[in-house]
Amino acid sequence: MKKQLLLFAFSALALTSCEDDNIKAYELDIMKGDWKVSKIEYVSGKDNKTVITTDTITGCEAKSFITFRTDLYAKYTAYTGTGGADCQVSATSEGTYTYNEETKDLTLKFKNEDDDKYRVTVLTSKELRMMELQDKDDMQDYDGDGKLDYIYINYVR
């Protein structure tokens, strides 16, 4: 009986420790691929729900994208121009990222740049929404209500 109980305890421990790895692998698999910014939302710090203003990405900027791979590699490709056929790649940044499946925190580490920190709030096969995690000194009060506001970046495939 003791052997069976011990075997059960070790099995439960093994399954529990693998569960987080499976969740992380699943979420990284969903995240992999190219994502284009569709809009940037400035959200009230009072309730973290009310959208103050939205910047919809159009023109050549709408061709810019970020690529995530499951080996934690990331690449950002930016396009500029006046629109139409004259859009040109204006910059690329390569680096790595970390992702915590429990807190949903994602940190981008591009070469020769400061780390960019985000919290993933939506992750589906077609939509990725991340809240910028800024230092209090970098946050702003966009609606003038005395509360620091949040920035959400919305990506689509």
Protein backbone atom coordinates (compact mmCIF):
# COMPACT_ATOMS: atom_id res chain seq x y z
CA MET A 1 0.00 0.00 0.00
CA LYS A 2 2.84 2.39 0.86
CA LYS A 3 4.48 1.69 -2.51
CA GLN A 4 1.26 2.49 -4.35
CA LEU A 5 0.77 5.69 -2.38
CA LEU A 6 4.37 6.73 -3.05
CA LEU A 7 4.01 5.93 -6.75
CA PHE A 8 0.79 7.97 -6.88
CA ALA A 9 2.45 10.94 -5.15
CA PHE A 10 5.41 10.91 -7.55
CA SER A 11 3.09 10.57 -10.55
CA ALA A 12 0.99 13.51 -9.39
CA LEU A 13 4.14 15.59 -8.86
CA ALA A 14 5.47 14.70 -12.31
CA LEU A 15 2.17 15.53 -14.00
CA THR A 16 1.89 18.82 -12.12
CA SER A 17 5.40 19.92 -13.06
CA CYS A 18 4.83 19.06 -16.73
CA GLU A 19 1.52 20.92 -16.85
CA ASP A 20 3.12 24.39 -16.79
CA ASP A 21 5.58 23.37 -19.51
CA ASN A 22 2.68 22.20 -21.65
CA ILE A 23 0.80 25.46 -21.14
CA LYS A 24 3.87 27.51 -22.01
CA ALA A 25 4.59 25.39 -25.10
CA TYR A 26 0.97 25.71 -26.20
CA GLU A 27 0.95 29.50 -25.77
CA LEU A 28 4.33 29.90 -27.52
CA ASP A 29 2.98 27.81 -30.38
CA ILE A 30 -0.04 30.11 -30.70
CA MET A 31 2.24 33.17 -30.50
CA LYS A 32 4.68 31.99 -33.18
CA GLY A 33 4.51 33.70 -36.54
CA ASP A 34 4.09 37.22 -37.87
CA TRP A 35 1.89 39.80 -36.13
CA LYS A 36 0.94 43.24 -37.49
CA VAL A 37 -0.05 46.12 -35.25
CA SER A 38 -3.69 46.97 -35.92
CA LYS A 39 -4.25 49.65 -33.29
CA ILE A 40 -2.86 51.22 -30.16
CA GLU A 41 -5.30 52.03 -27.36
CA TYR A 42 -4.78 54.49 -24.52
CA VAL A 43 -6.84 53.25 -21.59
CA SER A 44 -7.87 55.08 -18.41
CA GLY A 45 -5.82 54.33 -15.33
CA LYS A 46 -8.95 54.91 -13.27
CA ASP A 47 -10.64 51.65 -14.30
CA ASN A 48 -8.24 50.08 -16.85
CA LYS A 49 -11.27 49.65 -19.16
CA THR A 50 -12.31 53.01 -20.61
CA VAL A 51 -10.57 53.68 -23.92
CA ILE A 52 -9.43 57.31 -24.01
CA THR A 53 -8.24 57.29 -27.61
CA THR A 54 -7.28 54.81 -30.30
CA ASP A 55 -4.59 55.09 -32.94
CA THR A 56 -5.47 52.90 -35.92
CA ILE A 57 -2.39 51.90 -37.89
CA THR A 58 -2.67 52.67 -41.60
CA GLY A 59 -0.49 53.18 -44.67
CA CYS A 60 3.01 51.77 -44.78
CA GLU A 61 3.13 51.44 -40.99
CA ALA A 62 0.39 48.81 -41.28
CA LYS A 63 2.88 46.57 -43.11
CA SER A 64 5.25 46.56 -40.10
CA PHE A 65 5.27 43.31 -38.18
CA ILE A 66 6.84 41.41 -35.32
CA THR A 67 7.82 37.75 -35.62
CA PHE A 68 7.91 35.34 -32.70
CA ARG A 69 9.40 31.86 -32.85
CA THR A 70 9.04 29.09 -30.29
CA ASP A 71 12.82 29.13 -29.66
CA LEU A 72 12.28 32.61 -28.06
CA TYR A 73 13.68 34.52 -31.07
CA ALA A 74 11.94 37.77 -32.03
CA LYS A 75 12.33 40.12 -34.98
CA TYR A 76 10.64 43.44 -35.69
CA THR A 77 10.43 44.78 -39.25
CA ALA A 78 9.31 48.39 -39.72
CA TYR A 79 8.00 49.89 -42.96
CA THR A 80 7.77 53.57 -43.86
CA GLY A 81 6.67 55.55 -46.91
CA THR A 82 3.71 57.50 -48.15
CA GLY A 83 1.56 54.44 -48.85
CA GLY A 84 0.78 52.29 -51.80
CA ALA A 85 3.66 50.70 -53.67
CA ASP A 86 6.45 52.90 -52.23
CA CYS A 87 6.57 51.29 -48.77
CA GLN A 88 10.11 50.40 -47.81
CA VAL A 89 11.65 48.46 -44.93
CA SER A 90 13.08 51.23 -42.76
CA ALA A 91 14.44 49.19 -39.86
CA THR A 92 14.76 45.70 -38.46
CA SER A 93 15.58 44.62 -34.93
CA GLU A 94 16.47 41.09 -33.91
CA GLY A 95 16.66 39.65 -30.46
CA THR A 96 14.99 37.35 -28.00
CA TYR A 97 12.01 37.35 -25.70
CA THR A 98 11.00 35.75 -22.45
CA TYR A 99 7.48 34.70 -21.57
CA ASN A 100 6.00 33.71 -18.23
CA GLU A 101 2.86 31.62 -18.76
CA GLU A 102 1.63 32.24 -15.21
CA THR A 103 1.83 36.05 -15.15
CA LYS A 104 1.57 36.41 -18.96
CA ASP A 105 4.55 38.80 -18.84
CA LEU A 106 6.57 39.08 -22.05
CA THR A 107 9.90 40.90 -22.29
CA LEU A 108 11.43 41.76 -25.66
CA LYS A 109 15.21 42.05 -25.71
CA PHE A 110 16.31 43.50 -29.04
CA LYS A 111 20.02 44.00 -29.64
CA ASN A 112 21.33 47.44 -28.63
CA GLU A 113 17.95 48.49 -27.21
CA ASP A 114 16.38 48.65 -23.74
CA ASP A 115 14.11 45.78 -22.74
CA ASP A 116 10.42 46.31 -23.56
CA LYS A 117 8.03 44.76 -21.04
CA TYR A 118 4.43 43.77 -21.71
CA ARG A 119 1.59 41.76 -20.23
CA VAL A 120 -0.30 39.58 -22.70
CA THR A 121 -4.02 40.15 -22.12
CA VAL A 122 -5.41 38.36 -25.19
CA LEU A 123 -3.78 35.52 -27.12
CA THR A 124 -5.67 33.63 -29.80
CA SER A 125 -4.66 32.29 -33.18
CA LYS A 126 -5.70 35.60 -34.79
CA GLU A 127 -5.33 38.25 -32.06
CA LEU A 128 -2.57 39.30 -29.67
CA ARG A 129 -3.15 42.16 -27.23
CA MET A 130 -0.42 43.37 -24.92
CA MET A 131 -0.35 46.05 -22.24
CA GLU A 132 2.90 47.99 -21.96
CA LEU A 133 4.45 47.60 -18.54
CA GLN A 134 6.11 50.95 -18.04
CA ASP A 135 7.93 52.47 -15.11
CA LYS A 136 5.73 54.98 -13.28
CA ASP A 137 8.14 57.71 -14.48
CA ASP A 138 7.41 56.81 -18.12
CA MET A 139 3.62 56.62 -17.78
CA GLN A 140 1.41 59.57 -18.72
CA ASP A 141 -2.02 60.91 -17.84
CA TYR A 142 -3.61 61.14 -21.30
CA ASP A 143 -7.09 62.19 -20.11
CA GLY A 144 -6.04 64.63 -17.39
CA ASP A 145 -7.89 62.90 -14.55
CA GLY A 146 -4.84 62.67 -12.30
CA LYS A 147 -4.40 58.91 -12.85
CA LEU A 148 -1.60 57.40 -14.94
CA ASP A 149 -3.01 55.66 -18.01
CA TYR A 150 -2.15 52.42 -19.83
CA ILE A 151 -1.15 51.66 -23.41
CA TYR A 152 -2.42 48.50 -25.13
CA ILE A 153 -1.01 47.33 -28.45
CA ASN A 154 -3.29 45.15 -30.56
CA TYR A 155 -1.82 42.79 -33.15
CA VAL A 156 -3.49 40.65 -35.81
CA ARG A 157 -2.26 37.99 -38.20
